[in-house]
Amino acid sequence: MLLVRCFSCGKVISASYDEFKERTQKGEDPGDVLDDLGIHKYCCRRMFISHIDVW
């Protein structure tokens, strides 16, 4: 479960996580997926890249 907002800037990021997860599991480059989803700030990108699913 990803947090709802970015720690640094407060942008809502949880709405994009499911698509990010699906596309990266299919083998797409995480950087390209984040660009397509409109996640351009490095603080928000960090939230996706460093997230570890615990569930």
N, C-alpha and C. Protein backbone atom coordinates (compact mmCIF):
# COMPACT_ATOMS: atom_id res chain seq x y z
N MET A 1 0.84 -1.17 0.00
CA MET A 1 0.00 0.00 0.00
C MET A 1 0.89 1.23 0.00
N LEU A 2 0.75 2.03 -1.00
CA LEU A 2 1.52 3.26 -1.14
C LEU A 2 0.82 4.37 -0.38
N LEU A 3 1.59 5.28 0.13
CA LEU A 3 1.00 6.44 0.81
C LEU A 3 0.20 7.28 -0.18
N VAL A 4 -0.75 8.02 0.32
CA VAL A 4 -1.63 8.80 -0.53
C VAL A 4 -0.92 10.00 -1.13
N ARG A 5 -0.08 10.66 -0.33
CA ARG A 5 0.61 11.87 -0.79
C ARG A 5 2.12 11.73 -0.68
N CYS A 6 2.80 12.51 -1.50
CA CYS A 6 4.27 12.58 -1.45
C CYS A 6 4.68 13.23 -0.14
N PHE A 7 5.74 12.69 0.49
CA PHE A 7 6.22 13.26 1.75
C PHE A 7 6.66 14.72 1.61
N SER A 8 7.31 15.03 0.51
CA SER A 8 7.94 16.35 0.36
C SER A 8 6.99 17.43 -0.13
N CYS A 9 6.31 17.17 -1.24
CA CYS A 9 5.52 18.24 -1.86
C CYS A 9 4.02 18.14 -1.59
N GLY A 10 3.54 16.97 -1.17
CA GLY A 10 2.13 16.82 -0.85
C GLY A 10 1.24 16.47 -2.03
N LYS A 11 1.83 16.20 -3.21
CA LYS A 11 1.03 15.84 -4.38
C LYS A 11 0.39 14.46 -4.16
N VAL A 12 -0.86 14.32 -4.59
CA VAL A 12 -1.55 13.03 -4.48
C VAL A 12 -0.94 12.10 -5.53
N ILE A 13 -0.38 10.97 -5.07
CA ILE A 13 0.30 10.05 -5.97
C ILE A 13 -0.31 8.64 -5.98
N SER A 14 -1.16 8.34 -5.03
CA SER A 14 -1.68 6.97 -4.90
C SER A 14 -2.55 6.55 -6.09
N ALA A 15 -3.15 7.49 -6.78
CA ALA A 15 -4.03 7.16 -7.89
C ALA A 15 -3.27 6.54 -9.06
N SER A 16 -1.99 6.81 -9.17
CA SER A 16 -1.18 6.32 -10.28
C SER A 16 -0.43 5.03 -9.97
N TYR A 17 -0.45 4.59 -8.74
CA TYR A 17 0.40 3.47 -8.34
C TYR A 17 0.00 2.15 -8.98
N ASP A 18 -1.29 1.87 -9.11
CA ASP A 18 -1.72 0.60 -9.68
C ASP A 18 -1.24 0.45 -11.13
N GLU A 19 -1.39 1.51 -11.91
CA GLU A 19 -0.93 1.46 -13.30
C GLU A 19 0.59 1.34 -13.36
N PHE A 20 1.29 2.06 -12.49
CA PHE A 20 2.75 1.96 -12.43
C PHE A 20 3.18 0.53 -12.14
N LYS A 21 2.55 -0.08 -11.18
CA LYS A 21 2.90 -1.44 -10.78
C LYS A 21 2.65 -2.44 -11.90
N GLU A 22 1.50 -2.34 -12.56
CA GLU A 22 1.16 -3.24 -13.66
C GLU A 22 2.15 -3.11 -14.81
N ARG A 23 2.43 -1.89 -15.20
CA ARG A 23 3.30 -1.67 -16.36
C ARG A 23 4.74 -2.06 -16.09
N THR A 24 5.24 -1.83 -14.87
CA THR A 24 6.62 -2.22 -14.58
C THR A 24 6.75 -3.73 -14.44
N GLN A 25 5.71 -4.40 -13.98
CA GLN A 25 5.74 -5.86 -13.90
C GLN A 25 5.73 -6.50 -15.29
N LYS A 26 5.20 -5.78 -16.27
CA LYS A 26 5.20 -6.28 -17.65
C LYS A 26 6.55 -6.04 -18.33
N GLY A 27 7.45 -5.32 -17.66
CA GLY A 27 8.79 -5.13 -18.20
C GLY A 27 9.11 -3.74 -18.71
N GLU A 28 8.20 -2.80 -18.57
CA GLU A 28 8.49 -1.43 -19.02
C GLU A 28 9.47 -0.75 -18.07
N ASP A 29 10.20 0.20 -18.59
CA ASP A 29 11.16 0.96 -17.80
C ASP A 29 10.40 1.86 -16.81
N PRO A 30 10.74 1.80 -15.52
CA PRO A 30 10.03 2.62 -14.52
C PRO A 30 10.10 4.12 -14.80
N GLY A 31 11.20 4.60 -15.31
CA GLY A 31 11.32 6.02 -15.62
C GLY A 31 10.37 6.45 -16.72
N ASP A 32 10.23 5.63 -17.75
CA ASP A 32 9.31 5.94 -18.84
C ASP A 32 7.86 5.89 -18.38
N VAL A 33 7.55 4.94 -17.53
CA VAL A 33 6.17 4.83 -17.00
C VAL A 33 5.83 6.07 -16.18
N LEU A 34 6.75 6.50 -15.32
CA LEU A 34 6.48 7.68 -14.50
C LEU A 34 6.33 8.93 -15.37
N ASP A 35 7.11 9.04 -16.44
CA ASP A 35 6.95 10.16 -17.36
C ASP A 35 5.57 10.15 -18.00
N ASP A 36 5.12 8.97 -18.44
CA ASP A 36 3.79 8.84 -19.06
C ASP A 36 2.68 9.18 -18.08
N LEU A 37 2.87 8.86 -16.80
CA LEU A 37 1.84 9.12 -15.79
C LEU A 37 1.86 10.57 -15.30
N GLY A 38 2.84 11.34 -15.72
CA GLY A 38 2.92 12.75 -15.33
C GLY A 38 3.59 12.97 -13.99
N ILE A 39 4.37 12.00 -13.55
CA ILE A 39 5.11 12.13 -12.29
C ILE A 39 6.51 12.62 -12.64
N HIS A 40 6.74 13.94 -12.56
CA HIS A 40 7.99 14.51 -13.03
C HIS A 40 8.90 14.98 -11.89
N LYS A 41 8.35 15.30 -10.74
CA LYS A 41 9.18 15.77 -9.63
C LYS A 41 9.97 14.61 -9.03
N TYR A 42 11.22 14.86 -8.72
CA TYR A 42 12.07 13.78 -8.19
C TYR A 42 11.59 13.27 -6.85
N CYS A 43 10.93 14.11 -6.05
CA CYS A 43 10.45 13.66 -4.75
C CYS A 43 9.30 12.66 -4.92
N CYS A 44 8.44 12.90 -5.88
CA CYS A 44 7.32 11.98 -6.13
C CYS A 44 7.82 10.70 -6.78
N ARG A 45 8.78 10.81 -7.68
CA ARG A 45 9.35 9.63 -8.34
C ARG A 45 10.00 8.72 -7.31
N ARG A 46 10.64 9.32 -6.32
CA ARG A 46 11.27 8.55 -5.25
C ARG A 46 10.26 7.69 -4.51
N MET A 47 9.05 8.23 -4.32
CA MET A 47 8.02 7.49 -3.60
C MET A 47 7.64 6.20 -4.34
N PHE A 48 7.63 6.24 -5.68
CA PHE A 48 7.31 5.06 -6.46
C PHE A 48 8.48 4.09 -6.52
N ILE A 49 9.65 4.61 -6.82
CA ILE A 49 10.82 3.76 -7.04
C ILE A 49 11.25 3.04 -5.76
N SER A 50 11.17 3.72 -4.62
CA SER A 50 11.67 3.13 -3.39
C SER A 50 10.61 2.35 -2.60
N HIS A 51 9.38 2.31 -3.09
CA HIS A 51 8.30 1.64 -2.37
C HIS A 51 8.47 0.11 -2.40
N ILE A 52 8.27 -0.53 -1.28
CA ILE A 52 8.29 -1.99 -1.18
C ILE A 52 6.93 -2.45 -0.69
N ASP A 53 6.29 -3.33 -1.46
CA ASP A 53 4.98 -3.86 -1.06
C ASP A 53 5.15 -4.78 0.13
N VAL A 54 4.42 -4.50 1.20
CA VAL A 54 4.51 -5.31 2.42
C VAL A 54 3.35 -6.30 2.48
N TRP A 55 2.28 -5.99 1.80
CA TRP A 55 1.09 -6.84 1.84
C TRP A 55 1.24 -7.98 0.94
